[in-house]
Amino acid sequence: MELFVMLMTPPSGSSGGMGNISTLIFFVGIFAVMYFFMIRPQAKKAKDQKSFLENLQKGDKVVTVAGIHGRINRINDNGTLEVQIDTNTNVVMERSGISMEYTKAIQQASQAPAKKD
């Protein structure tokens, strides 16, 4: 029994400073990986989307967040857009409701590999 107690007790003295430094280096490395693979690309994508929404013009073909295709008919003074969906059908929506430009959506769809059954 005494041997078991002696083996289970921690060693006396200091454990050294390298344990703390290696832990700190580990956490800094984890943060760096998260920043470069998660935070930075997401911030870049948000910046690009904001720039796209600010540069919308009359006549642009767009796709809404809901997947509706249309053409910008008018940009109102209050920041909303009038999108023509069909010949006599216009919808007023916020800029944030626009997902992407229609020509980019077509390019992305054509570049995506076809699904084989």
PDB file of N, CA and C in Angstrom:
ATOM      1  N   MET A   1       0.821  -1.184   0.000  1.00  0.00           N
ATOM      2  CA  MET A   1       0.000   0.000   0.000  1.00  0.00           C
ATOM      3  C   MET A   1       0.869   1.253   0.000  1.00  0.00           C
ATOM      4  N   GLU A   2       1.966   1.208   0.729  1.00  0.00           N
ATOM      5  CA  GLU A   2       2.840   2.377   0.785  1.00  0.00           C
ATOM      6  C   GLU A   2       3.454   2.664  -0.584  1.00  0.00           C
ATOM      7  N   LEU A   3       3.729   1.621  -1.356  1.00  0.00           N
ATOM      8  CA  LEU A   3       4.288   1.806  -2.690  1.00  0.00           C
ATOM      9  C   LEU A   3       3.279   2.520  -3.598  1.00  0.00           C
ATOM     10  N   PHE A   4       2.009   2.159  -3.480  1.00  0.00           N
ATOM     11  CA  PHE A   4       0.962   2.796  -4.281  1.00  0.00           C
ATOM     12  C   PHE A   4       0.836   4.288  -3.946  1.00  0.00           C
ATOM     13  N   VAL A   5       0.848   4.624  -2.674  1.00  0.00           N
ATOM     14  CA  VAL A   5       0.751   6.021  -2.243  1.00  0.00           C
ATOM     15  C   VAL A   5       1.967   6.796  -2.719  1.00  0.00           C
ATOM     16  N   MET A   6       3.145   6.168  -2.653  1.00  0.00           N
ATOM     17  CA  MET A   6       4.369   6.832  -3.072  1.00  0.00           C
ATOM     18  C   MET A   6       4.358   7.082  -4.588  1.00  0.00           C
ATOM     19  N   LEU A   7       3.804   6.176  -5.376  1.00  0.00           N
ATOM     20  CA  LEU A   7       3.740   6.362  -6.822  1.00  0.00           C
ATOM     21  C   LEU A   7       2.698   7.407  -7.226  1.00  0.00           C
ATOM     22  N   MET A   8       1.646   7.565  -6.449  1.00  0.00           N
ATOM     23  CA  MET A   8       0.576   8.487  -6.793  1.00  0.00           C
ATOM     24  C   MET A   8       0.856   9.926  -6.369  1.00  0.00           C
ATOM     25  N   THR A   9       1.785  10.164  -5.490  1.00  0.00           N
ATOM     26  CA  THR A   9       2.076  11.533  -5.058  1.00  0.00           C
ATOM     27  C   THR A   9       2.889  12.247  -6.125  1.00  0.00           C
ATOM     28  N   PRO A  10       2.605  13.545  -6.342  1.00  0.00           N
ATOM     29  CA  PRO A  10       3.367  14.291  -7.341  1.00  0.00           C
ATOM     30  C   PRO A  10       4.806  14.483  -6.893  1.00  0.00           C
ATOM     31  N   PRO A  11       5.726  14.621  -7.814  1.00  0.00           N
ATOM     32  CA  PRO A  11       7.123  14.806  -7.438  1.00  0.00           C
ATOM     33  C   PRO A  11       7.311  16.143  -6.730  1.00  0.00           C
ATOM     34  N   SER A  12       8.210  16.179  -5.809  1.00  0.00           N
ATOM     35  CA  SER A  12       8.459  17.418  -5.073  1.00  0.00           C
ATOM     36  C   SER A  12       9.342  18.341  -5.905  1.00  0.00           C
ATOM     37  N   GLY A  13       9.240  19.628  -5.645  1.00  0.00           N
ATOM     38  CA  GLY A  13      10.037  20.592  -6.391  1.00  0.00           C
ATOM     39  C   GLY A  13       9.215  21.220  -7.503  1.00  0.00           C
ATOM     40  N   SER A  14       9.821  22.131  -8.211  1.00  0.00           N
ATOM     41  CA  SER A  14       9.100  22.824  -9.282  1.00  0.00           C
ATOM     42  C   SER A  14       9.088  21.957 -10.539  1.00  0.00           C
ATOM     43  N   SER A  15       8.051  22.160 -11.322  1.00  0.00           N
ATOM     44  CA  SER A  15       7.933  21.380 -12.550  1.00  0.00           C
ATOM     45  C   SER A  15       8.658  22.047 -13.705  1.00  0.00           C
ATOM     46  N   GLY A  16       9.216  23.220 -13.493  1.00  0.00           N
ATOM     47  CA  GLY A  16       9.943  23.913 -14.551  1.00  0.00           C
ATOM     48  C   GLY A  16       9.031  24.873 -15.283  1.00  0.00           C
ATOM     49  N   GLY A  17       9.606  25.819 -15.974  1.00  0.00           N
ATOM     50  CA  GLY A  17       8.841  26.835 -16.670  1.00  0.00           C
ATOM     51  C   GLY A  17       8.447  26.435 -18.070  1.00  0.00           C
ATOM     52  N   MET A  18       9.006  25.386 -18.598  1.00  0.00           N
ATOM     53  CA  MET A  18       8.725  25.004 -19.979  1.00  0.00           C
ATOM     54  C   MET A  18       7.291  24.512 -20.163  1.00  0.00           C
ATOM     55  N   GLY A  19       6.668  24.000 -19.129  1.00  0.00           N
ATOM     56  CA  GLY A  19       5.288  23.549 -19.244  1.00  0.00           C
ATOM     57  C   GLY A  19       4.354  24.701 -19.564  1.00  0.00           C
ATOM     58  N   ASN A  20       4.546  25.821 -18.901  1.00  0.00           N
ATOM     59  CA  ASN A  20       3.700  26.992 -19.131  1.00  0.00           C
ATOM     60  C   ASN A  20       3.956  27.600 -20.502  1.00  0.00           C
ATOM     61  N   ILE A  21       5.201  27.656 -20.917  1.00  0.00           N
ATOM     62  CA  ILE A  21       5.541  28.244 -22.212  1.00  0.00           C
ATOM     63  C   ILE A  21       4.989  27.388 -23.347  1.00  0.00           C
ATOM     64  N   SER A  22       5.111  26.089 -23.232  1.00  0.00           N
ATOM     65  CA  SER A  22       4.601  25.226 -24.301  1.00  0.00           C
ATOM     66  C   SER A  22       3.076  25.302 -24.394  1.00  0.00           C
ATOM     67  N   THR A  23       2.405  25.447 -23.272  1.00  0.00           N
ATOM     68  CA  THR A  23       0.954  25.618 -23.286  1.00  0.00           C
ATOM     69  C   THR A  23       0.572  26.928 -23.961  1.00  0.00           C
ATOM     70  N   LEU A  24       1.306  27.986 -23.656  1.00  0.00           N
ATOM     71  CA  LEU A  24       1.052  29.284 -24.276  1.00  0.00           C
ATOM     72  C   LEU A  24       1.276  29.221 -25.787  1.00  0.00           C
ATOM     73  N   ILE A  25       2.351  28.578 -26.212  1.00  0.00           N
ATOM     74  CA  ILE A  25       2.641  28.434 -27.644  1.00  0.00           C
ATOM     75  C   ILE A  25       1.540  27.628 -28.330  1.00  0.00           C
ATOM     76  N   PHE A  26       1.050  26.603 -27.668  1.00  0.00           N
ATOM     77  CA  PHE A  26      -0.025  25.784 -28.218  1.00  0.00           C
ATOM     78  C   PHE A  26      -1.283  26.620 -28.457  1.00  0.00           C
ATOM     79  N   PHE A  27      -1.692  27.414 -27.460  1.00  0.00           N
ATOM     80  CA  PHE A  27      -2.899  28.226 -27.603  1.00  0.00           C
ATOM     81  C   PHE A  27      -2.730  29.334 -28.638  1.00  0.00           C
ATOM     82  N   VAL A  28      -1.553  29.915 -28.737  1.00  0.00           N
ATOM     83  CA  VAL A  28      -1.295  30.918 -29.768  1.00  0.00           C
ATOM     84  C   VAL A  28      -1.387  30.269 -31.146  1.00  0.00           C
ATOM     85  N   GLY A  29      -0.861  29.067 -31.291  1.00  0.00           N
ATOM     86  CA  GLY A  29      -0.949  28.341 -32.558  1.00  0.00           C
ATOM     87  C   GLY A  29      -2.387  28.023 -32.936  1.00  0.00           C
ATOM     88  N   ILE A  30      -3.184  27.597 -31.982  1.00  0.00           N
ATOM     89  CA  ILE A  30      -4.597  27.303 -32.236  1.00  0.00           C
ATOM     90  C   ILE A  30      -5.328  28.570 -32.675  1.00  0.00           C
ATOM     91  N   PHE A  31      -5.054  29.697 -32.001  1.00  0.00           N
ATOM     92  CA  PHE A  31      -5.689  30.957 -32.376  1.00  0.00           C
ATOM     93  C   PHE A  31      -5.273  31.378 -33.781  1.00  0.00           C
ATOM     94  N   ALA A  32      -4.004  31.204 -34.128  1.00  0.00           N
ATOM     95  CA  ALA A  32      -3.525  31.576 -35.467  1.00  0.00           C
ATOM     96  C   ALA A  32      -4.221  30.740 -36.539  1.00  0.00           C
ATOM     97  N   VAL A  33      -4.371  29.458 -36.300  1.00  0.00           N
ATOM     98  CA  VAL A  33      -5.055  28.586 -37.258  1.00  0.00           C
ATOM     99  C   VAL A  33      -6.514  29.018 -37.415  1.00  0.00           C
ATOM    100  N   MET A  34      -7.183  29.297 -36.306  1.00  0.00           N
ATOM    101  CA  MET A  34      -8.578  29.739 -36.383  1.00  0.00           C
ATOM    102  C   MET A  34      -8.688  31.064 -37.134  1.00  0.00           C
ATOM    103  N   TYR A  35      -7.753  31.972 -36.910  1.00  0.00           N
ATOM    104  CA  TYR A  35      -7.806  33.271 -37.576  1.00  0.00           C
ATOM    105  C   TYR A  35      -7.637  33.122 -39.077  1.00  0.00           C
ATOM    106  N   PHE A  36      -6.625  32.381 -39.506  1.00  0.00           N
ATOM    107  CA  PHE A  36      -6.329  32.293 -40.934  1.00  0.00           C
ATOM    108  C   PHE A  36      -7.285  31.386 -41.703  1.00  0.00           C
ATOM    109  N   PHE A  37      -7.927  30.435 -41.045  1.00  0.00           N
ATOM    110  CA  PHE A  37      -8.822  29.529 -41.756  1.00  0.00           C
ATOM    111  C   PHE A  37     -10.303  29.814 -41.535  1.00  0.00           C
ATOM    112  N   MET A  38     -10.653  30.619 -40.529  1.00  0.00           N
ATOM    113  CA  MET A  38     -12.065  30.863 -40.267  1.00  0.00           C
ATOM    114  C   MET A  38     -12.418  32.349 -40.257  1.00  0.00           C
ATOM    115  N   ILE A  39     -11.753  33.127 -39.455  1.00  0.00           N
ATOM    116  CA  ILE A  39     -12.141  34.520 -39.247  1.00  0.00           C
ATOM    117  C   ILE A  39     -11.792  35.383 -40.450  1.00  0.00           C
ATOM    118  N   ARG A  40     -10.584  35.281 -40.941  1.00  0.00           N
ATOM    119  CA  ARG A  40     -10.125  36.133 -42.043  1.00  0.00           C
ATOM    120  C   ARG A  40     -10.916  35.908 -43.341  1.00  0.00           C
ATOM    121  N   PRO A  41     -11.129  34.654 -43.779  1.00  0.00           N
ATOM    122  CA  PRO A  41     -11.926  34.466 -45.005  1.00  0.00           C
ATOM    123  C   PRO A  41     -13.369  34.954 -44.858  1.00  0.00           C
ATOM    124  N   GLN A  42     -13.935  34.778 -43.678  1.00  0.00           N
ATOM    125  CA  GLN A  42     -15.309  35.225 -43.466  1.00  0.00           C
ATOM    126  C   GLN A  42     -15.392  36.749 -43.512  1.00  0.00           C
ATOM    127  N   ALA A  43     -14.417  37.436 -42.941  1.00  0.00           N
ATOM    128  CA  ALA A  43     -14.396  38.900 -42.982  1.00  0.00           C
ATOM    129  C   ALA A  43     -14.207  39.397 -44.414  1.00  0.00           C
ATOM    130  N   LYS A  44     -13.373  38.709 -45.188  1.00  0.00           N
ATOM    131  CA  LYS A  44     -13.144  39.102 -46.586  1.00  0.00           C
ATOM    132  C   LYS A  44     -14.426  38.919 -47.402  1.00  0.00           C
ATOM    133  N   LYS A  45     -15.127  37.828 -47.174  1.00  0.00           N
ATOM    134  CA  LYS A  45     -16.372  37.572 -47.896  1.00  0.00           C
ATOM    135  C   LYS A  45     -17.429  38.619 -47.537  1.00  0.00           C
ATOM    136  N   ALA A  46     -17.514  38.995 -46.266  1.00  0.00           N
ATOM    137  CA  ALA A  46     -18.472  40.019 -45.844  1.00  0.00           C
ATOM    138  C   ALA A  46     -18.135  41.372 -46.466  1.00  0.00           C
ATOM    139  N   LYS A  47     -16.856  41.681 -46.563  1.00  0.00           N
ATOM    140  CA  LYS A  47     -16.422  42.939 -47.181  1.00  0.00           C
ATOM    141  C   LYS A  47     -16.785  42.960 -48.666  1.00  0.00           C
ATOM    142  N   ASP A  48     -16.569  41.851 -49.360  1.00  0.00           N
ATOM    143  CA  ASP A  48     -16.918  41.758 -50.782  1.00  0.00           C
ATOM    144  C   ASP A  48     -18.429  41.892 -50.993  1.00  0.00           C
ATOM    145  N   GLN A  49     -19.228  41.269 -50.130  1.00  0.00           N
ATOM    146  CA  GLN A  49     -20.688  41.343 -50.237  1.00  0.00           C
ATOM    147  C   GLN A  49     -21.168  42.775 -50.012  1.00  0.00           C
ATOM    148  N   LYS A  50     -20.582  43.458 -49.032  1.00  0.00           N
ATOM    149  CA  LYS A  50     -20.959  44.850 -48.757  1.00  0.00           C
ATOM    150  C   LYS A  50     -20.628  45.734 -49.957  1.00  0.00           C
ATOM    151  N   SER A  51     -19.466  45.528 -50.545  1.00  0.00           N
ATOM    152  CA  SER A  51     -19.060  46.297 -51.723  1.00  0.00           C
ATOM    153  C   SER A  51     -20.012  46.029 -52.891  1.00  0.00           C
ATOM    154  N   PHE A  52     -20.393  44.780 -53.074  1.00  0.00           N
ATOM    155  CA  PHE A  52     -21.324  44.410 -54.145  1.00  0.00           C
ATOM    156  C   PHE A  52     -22.668  45.111 -53.968  1.00  0.00           C
ATOM    157  N   LEU A  53     -23.194  45.103 -52.739  1.00  0.00           N
ATOM    158  CA  LEU A  53     -24.498  45.710 -52.486  1.00  0.00           C
ATOM    159  C   LEU A  53     -24.464  47.225 -52.670  1.00  0.00           C
ATOM    160  N   GLU A  54     -23.337  47.846 -52.355  1.00  0.00           N
ATOM    161  CA  GLU A  54     -23.223  49.297 -52.515  1.00  0.00           C
ATOM    162  C   GLU A  54     -23.119  49.699 -53.982  1.00  0.00           C
ATOM    163  N   ASN A  55     -22.623  48.810 -54.836  1.00  0.00           N
ATOM    164  CA  ASN A  55     -22.394  49.138 -56.242  1.00  0.00           C
ATOM    165  C   ASN A  55     -23.497  48.646 -57.178  1.00  0.00           C
ATOM    166  N   LEU A  56     -24.642  48.250 -56.634  1.00  0.00           N
ATOM    167  CA  LEU A  56     -25.752  47.828 -57.489  1.00  0.00           C
ATOM    168  C   LEU A  56     -26.262  49.014 -58.300  1.00  0.00           C
ATOM    169  N   GLN A  57     -26.615  48.743 -59.559  1.00  0.00           N
ATOM    170  CA  GLN A  57     -27.089  49.800 -60.447  1.00  0.00           C
ATOM    171  C   GLN A  57     -28.367  49.355 -61.149  1.00  0.00           C
ATOM    172  N   LYS A  58     -29.062  50.331 -61.699  1.00  0.00           N
ATOM    173  CA  LYS A  58     -30.280  50.048 -62.449  1.00  0.00           C
ATOM    174  C   LYS A  58     -29.922  49.190 -63.661  1.00  0.00           C
ATOM    175  N   GLY A  59     -30.716  48.147 -63.897  1.00  0.00           N
ATOM    176  CA  GLY A  59     -30.490  47.267 -65.035  1.00  0.00           C
ATOM    177  C   GLY A  59     -29.710  46.010 -64.704  1.00  0.00           C
ATOM    178  N   ASP A  60     -29.117  45.923 -63.508  1.00  0.00           N
ATOM    179  CA  ASP A  60     -28.374  44.717 -63.122  1.00  0.00           C
ATOM    180  C   ASP A  60     -29.335  43.550 -62.939  1.00  0.00           C
ATOM    181  N   LYS A  61     -28.966  42.408 -63.467  1.00  0.00           N
ATOM    182  CA  LYS A  61     -29.734  41.187 -63.230  1.00  0.00           C
ATOM    183  C   LYS A  61     -29.214  40.584 -61.934  1.00  0.00           C
ATOM    184  N   VAL A  62     -30.135  40.280 -61.012  1.00  0.00           N
ATOM    185  CA  VAL A  62     -29.743  39.814 -59.686  1.00  0.00           C
ATOM    186  C   VAL A  62     -30.544  38.583 -59.283  1.00  0.00           C
ATOM    187  N   VAL A  63     -30.033  37.905 -58.263  1.00  0.00           N
ATOM    188  CA  VAL A  63     -30.719  36.785 -57.631  1.00  0.00           C
ATOM    189  C   VAL A  63     -30.917  37.167 -56.174  1.00  0.00           C
ATOM    190  N   THR A  64     -32.141  37.044 -55.673  1.00  0.00           N
ATOM    191  CA  THR A  64     -32.411  37.396 -54.281  1.00  0.00           C
ATOM    192  C   THR A  64     -31.985  36.257 -53.365  1.00  0.00           C
ATOM    193  N   VAL A  65     -32.030  36.533 -52.076  1.00  0.00           N
ATOM    194  CA  VAL A  65     -31.684  35.511 -51.087  1.00  0.00           C
ATOM    195  C   VAL A  65     -32.652  34.334 -51.181  1.00  0.00           C
ATOM    196  N   ALA A  66     -33.896  34.607 -51.562  1.00  0.00           N
ATOM    197  CA  ALA A  66     -34.908  33.555 -51.699  1.00  0.00           C
ATOM    198  C   ALA A  66     -34.783  32.779 -53.001  1.00  0.00           C
ATOM    199  N   GLY A  67     -33.876  33.212 -53.887  1.00  0.00           N
ATOM    200  CA  GLY A  67     -33.670  32.502 -55.140  1.00  0.00           C
ATOM    201  C   GLY A  67     -34.474  33.049 -56.302  1.00  0.00           C
ATOM    202  N   ILE A  68     -35.090  34.198 -56.129  1.00  0.00           N
ATOM    203  CA  ILE A  68     -35.892  34.806 -57.190  1.00  0.00           C
ATOM    204  C   ILE A  68     -34.977  35.621 -58.095  1.00  0.00           C
ATOM    205  N   HIS A  69     -35.123  35.423 -59.404  1.00  0.00           N
ATOM    206  CA  HIS A  69     -34.310  36.135 -60.387  1.00  0.00           C
ATOM    207  C   HIS A  69     -35.074  37.355 -60.876  1.00  0.00           C
ATOM    208  N   GLY A  70     -34.356  38.457 -61.060  1.00  0.00           N
ATOM    209  CA  GLY A  70     -35.003  39.658 -61.556  1.00  0.00           C
ATOM    210  C   GLY A  70     -33.984  40.691 -62.003  1.00  0.00           C
ATOM    211  N   ARG A  71     -34.511  41.835 -62.409  1.00  0.00           N
ATOM    212  CA  ARG A  71     -33.671  42.945 -62.881  1.00  0.00           C
ATOM    213  C   ARG A  71     -34.009  44.175 -62.037  1.00  0.00           C
ATOM    214  N   ILE A  72     -32.982  44.922 -61.629  1.00  0.00           N
ATOM    215  CA  ILE A  72     -33.207  46.130 -60.842  1.00  0.00           C
ATOM    216  C   ILE A  72     -33.823  47.192 -61.747  1.00  0.00           C
ATOM    217  N   ASN A  73     -35.018  47.629 -61.374  1.00  0.00           N
ATOM    218  CA  ASN A  73     -35.759  48.614 -62.152  1.00  0.00           C
ATOM    219  C   ASN A  73     -35.481  50.035 -61.673  1.00  0.00           C
ATOM    220  N   ARG A  74     -35.372  50.198 -60.362  1.00  0.00           N
ATOM    221  CA  ARG A  74     -35.178  51.521 -59.793  1.00  0.00           C
ATOM    222  C   ARG A  74     -34.503  51.381 -58.429  1.00  0.00           C
ATOM    223  N   ILE A  75     -33.664  52.359 -58.094  1.00  0.00           N
ATOM    224  CA  ILE A  75     -33.064  52.437 -56.764  1.00  0.00           C
ATOM    225  C   ILE A  75     -33.705  53.635 -56.079  1.00  0.00           C
ATOM    226  N   ASN A  76     -34.465  53.373 -55.023  1.00  0.00           N
ATOM    227  CA  ASN A  76     -35.203  54.424 -54.325  1.00  0.00           C
ATOM    228  C   ASN A  76     -34.282  55.222 -53.408  1.00  0.00           C
ATOM    229  N   ASP A  77     -34.755  56.418 -53.018  1.00  0.00           N
ATOM    230  CA  ASP A  77     -33.961  57.294 -52.154  1.00  0.00           C
ATOM    231  C   ASP A  77     -33.741  56.714 -50.762  1.00  0.00           C
ATOM    232  N   ASN A  78     -34.660  55.886 -50.282  1.00  0.00           N
ATOM    233  CA  ASN A  78     -34.532  55.321 -48.941  1.00  0.00           C
ATOM    234  C   ASN A  78     -33.652  54.067 -48.906  1.00  0.00           C
ATOM    235  N   GLY A  79     -33.017  53.739 -50.016  1.00  0.00           N
ATOM    236  CA  GLY A  79     -32.087  52.611 -50.048  1.00  0.00           C
ATOM    237  C   GLY A  79     -32.704  51.300 -50.493  1.00  0.00           C
ATOM    238  N   THR A  80     -34.001  51.297 -50.753  1.00  0.00           N
ATOM    239  CA  THR A  80     -34.633  50.068 -51.232  1.00  0.00           C
ATOM    240  C   THR A  80     -34.494  49.968 -52.744  1.00  0.00           C
ATOM    241  N   LEU A  81     -34.727  48.781 -53.247  1.00  0.00           N
ATOM    242  CA  LEU A  81     -34.623  48.518 -54.679  1.00  0.00           C
ATOM    243  C   LEU A  81     -35.968  48.050 -55.206  1.00  0.00           C
ATOM    244  N   GLU A  82     -36.282  48.434 -56.412  1.00  0.00           N
ATOM    245  CA  GLU A  82     -37.465  47.907 -57.087  1.00  0.00           C
ATOM    246  C   GLU A  82     -36.962  46.901 -58.110  1.00  0.00           C
ATOM    247  N   VAL A  83     -37.296  45.639 -57.891  1.00  0.00           N
ATOM    248  CA  VAL A  83     -36.816  44.552 -58.743  1.00  0.00           C
ATOM    249  C   VAL A  83     -37.968  44.059 -59.605  1.00  0.00           C
ATOM    250  N   GLN A  84     -37.750  44.022 -60.912  1.00  0.00           N
ATOM    251  CA  GLN A  84     -38.753  43.524 -61.857  1.00  0.00           C
ATOM    252  C   GLN A  84     -38.545  42.024 -62.010  1.00  0.00           C
ATOM    253  N   ILE A  85     -39.565  41.267 -61.618  1.00  0.00           N
ATOM    254  CA  ILE A  85     -39.491  39.814 -61.680  1.00  0.00           C
ATOM    255  C   ILE A  85     -40.073  39.301 -62.991  1.00  0.00           C
ATOM    256  N   ASP A  86     -41.164  39.922 -63.428  1.00  0.00           N
ATOM    257  CA  ASP A  86     -41.821  39.562 -64.681  1.00  0.00           C
ATOM    258  C   ASP A  86     -42.251  40.859 -65.361  1.00  0.00           C
ATOM    259  N   THR A  87     -42.907  40.759 -66.484  1.00  0.00           N
ATOM    260  CA  THR A  87     -43.255  41.944 -67.272  1.00  0.00           C
ATOM    261  C   THR A  87     -43.993  42.997 -66.451  1.00  0.00           C
ATOM    262  N   ASN A  88     -45.019  42.631 -65.736  1.00  0.00           N
ATOM    263  CA  ASN A  88     -45.798  43.592 -64.951  1.00  0.00           C
ATOM    264  C   ASN A  88     -45.677  43.344 -63.452  1.00  0.00           C
ATOM    265  N   THR A  89     -44.618  42.715 -63.009  1.00  0.00           N
ATOM    266  CA  THR A  89     -44.462  42.381 -61.603  1.00  0.00           C
ATOM    267  C   THR A  89     -43.183  42.997 -61.062  1.00  0.00           C
ATOM    268  N   ASN A  90     -43.354  43.978 -60.175  1.00  0.00           N
ATOM    269  CA  ASN A  90     -42.224  44.627 -59.521  1.00  0.00           C
ATOM    270  C   ASN A  90     -42.317  44.402 -58.021  1.00  0.00           C
ATOM    271  N   VAL A  91     -41.190  44.170 -57.389  1.00  0.00           N
ATOM    272  CA  VAL A  91     -41.127  43.942 -55.957  1.00  0.00           C
ATOM    273  C   VAL A  91     -40.148  44.945 -55.367  1.00  0.00           C
ATOM    274  N   VAL A  92     -40.552  45.594 -54.265  1.00  0.00           N
ATOM    275  CA  VAL A  92     -39.657  46.508 -53.560  1.00  0.00           C
ATOM    276  C   VAL A  92     -38.992  45.715 -52.441  1.00  0.00           C
ATOM    277  N   MET A  93     -37.671  45.765 -52.391  1.00  0.00           N
ATOM    278  CA  MET A  93     -36.942  45.007 -51.371  1.00  0.00           C
ATOM    279  C   MET A  93     -35.724  45.783 -50.894  1.00  0.00           C
ATOM    280  N   GLU A  94     -35.196  45.365 -49.768  1.00  0.00           N
ATOM    281  CA  GLU A  94     -33.983  45.956 -49.212  1.00  0.00           C
ATOM    282  C   GLU A  94     -32.776  45.468 -49.997  1.00  0.00           C
ATOM    283  N   ARG A  95     -31.710  46.230 -49.930  1.00  0.00           N
ATOM    284  CA  ARG A  95     -30.468  45.819 -50.595  1.00  0.00           C
ATOM    285  C   ARG A  95     -29.948  44.502 -50.017  1.00  0.00           C
ATOM    286  N   SER A  96     -30.148  44.307 -48.725  1.00  0.00           N
ATOM    287  CA  SER A  96     -29.638  43.091 -48.085  1.00  0.00           C
ATOM    288  C   SER A  96     -30.344  41.834 -48.581  1.00  0.00           C
ATOM    289  N   GLY A  97     -31.465  41.987 -49.290  1.00  0.00           N
ATOM    290  CA  GLY A  97     -32.184  40.841 -49.841  1.00  0.00           C
ATOM    291  C   GLY A  97     -31.594  40.320 -51.137  1.00  0.00           C
ATOM    292  N   ILE A  98     -30.594  41.024 -51.676  1.00  0.00           N
ATOM    293  CA  ILE A  98     -29.945  40.598 -52.915  1.00  0.00           C
ATOM    294  C   ILE A  98     -28.776  39.694 -52.558  1.00  0.00           C
ATOM    295  N   SER A  99     -28.720  38.542 -53.190  1.00  0.00           N
ATOM    296  CA  SER A  99     -27.665  37.577 -52.900  1.00  0.00           C
ATOM    297  C   SER A  99     -26.470  37.744 -53.826  1.00  0.00           C
ATOM    298  N   MET A 100     -26.720  37.740 -55.128  1.00  0.00           N
ATOM    299  CA  MET A 100     -25.611  37.825 -56.085  1.00  0.00           C
ATOM    300  C   MET A 100     -26.119  38.342 -57.418  1.00  0.00           C
ATOM    301  N   GLU A 101     -25.177  38.696 -58.257  1.00  0.00           N
ATOM    302  CA  GLU A 101     -25.525  39.126 -59.605  1.00  0.00           C
ATOM    303  C   GLU A 101     -25.857  37.891 -60.436  1.00  0.00           C
ATOM    304  N   TYR A 102     -26.829  38.019 -61.321  1.00  0.00           N
ATOM    305  CA  TYR A 102     -27.328  36.892 -62.108  1.00  0.00           C
ATOM    306  C   TYR A 102     -26.246  36.283 -62.987  1.00  0.00           C
ATOM    307  N   THR A 103     -25.425  37.095 -63.612  1.00  0.00           N
ATOM    308  CA  THR A 103     -24.382  36.557 -64.493  1.00  0.00           C
ATOM    309  C   THR A 103     -23.374  35.742 -63.698  1.00  0.00           C
ATOM    310  N   LYS A 104     -23.082  36.160 -62.470  1.00  0.00           N
ATOM    311  CA  LYS A 104     -22.175  35.377 -61.628  1.00  0.00           C
ATOM    312  C   LYS A 104     -22.820  34.059 -61.227  1.00  0.00           C
ATOM    313  N   ALA A 105     -24.132  34.075 -60.989  1.00  0.00           N
ATOM    314  CA  ALA A 105     -24.838  32.846 -60.628  1.00  0.00           C
ATOM    315  C   ALA A 105     -24.792  31.846 -61.769  1.00  0.00           C
ATOM    316  N   ILE A 106     -24.934  32.331 -62.992  1.00  0.00           N
ATOM    317  CA  ILE A 106     -24.862  31.444 -64.158  1.00  0.00           C
ATOM    318  C   ILE A 106     -23.463  30.862 -64.297  1.00  0.00           C
ATOM    319  N   GLN A 107     -22.451  31.686 -64.112  1.00  0.00           N
ATOM    320  CA  GLN A 107     -21.072  31.214 -64.218  1.00  0.00           C
ATOM    321  C   GLN A 107     -20.773  30.162 -63.160  1.00  0.00           C
ATOM    322  N   GLN A 108     -21.233  30.389 -61.929  1.00  0.00           N
ATOM    323  CA  GLN A 108     -20.992  29.414 -60.870  1.00  0.00           C
ATOM    324  C   GLN A 108     -21.717  28.107 -61.147  1.00  0.00           C
ATOM    325  N   ALA A 109     -22.921  28.174 -61.682  1.00  0.00           N
ATOM    326  CA  ALA A 109     -23.682  26.963 -61.982  1.00  0.00           C
ATOM    327  C   ALA A 109     -23.037  26.174 -63.113  1.00  0.00           C
ATOM    328  N   SER A 110     -22.484  26.871 -64.098  1.00  0.00           N
ATOM    329  CA  SER A 110     -21.866  26.165 -65.218  1.00  0.00           C
ATOM    330  C   SER A 110     -20.515  25.562 -64.834  1.00  0.00           C
ATOM    331  N   GLN A 111     -19.854  26.155 -63.850  1.00  0.00           N
ATOM    332  CA  GLN A 111     -18.558  25.636 -63.426  1.00  0.00           C
ATOM    333  C   GLN A 111     -18.693  24.473 -62.453  1.00  0.00           C
ATOM    334  N   ALA A 112     -19.836  24.353 -61.801  1.00  0.00           N
ATOM    335  CA  ALA A 112     -20.047  23.261 -60.857  1.00  0.00           C
ATOM    336  C   ALA A 112     -20.124  21.949 -61.627  1.00  0.00           C
ATOM    337  N   PRO A 113     -19.447  20.906 -61.143  1.00  0.00           N
ATOM    338  CA  PRO A 113     -19.497  19.628 -61.854  1.00  0.00           C
ATOM    339  C   PRO A 113     -20.894  19.024 -61.801  1.00  0.00           C
ATOM    340  N   ALA A 114     -21.305  18.431 -62.891  1.00  0.00           N
ATOM    341  CA  ALA A 114     -22.626  17.808 -62.978  1.00  0.00           C
ATOM    342  C   ALA A 114     -22.669  16.588 -62.075  1.00  0.00           C
ATOM    343  N   LYS A 115     -23.791  16.406 -61.408  1.00  0.00           N
ATOM    344  CA  LYS A 115     -23.960  15.285 -60.497  1.00  0.00           C
ATOM    345  C   LYS A 115     -24.290  14.036 -61.300  1.00  0.00           C
ATOM    346  N   LYS A 116     -23.536  12.970 -61.088  1.00  0.00           N
ATOM    347  CA  LYS A 116     -23.774  11.717 -61.808  1.00  0.00           C
ATOM    348  C   LYS A 116     -24.611  10.790 -60.948  1.00  0.00           C
ATOM    349  N   ASP A 117     -25.619  10.191 -61.552  1.00  0.00           N
ATOM    350  CA  ASP A 117     -26.481   9.249 -60.828  1.00  0.00           C
ATOM    351  C   ASP A 117     -26.017   7.838 -61.044  1.00  0.00           C
TER     352      ASP A 117
END
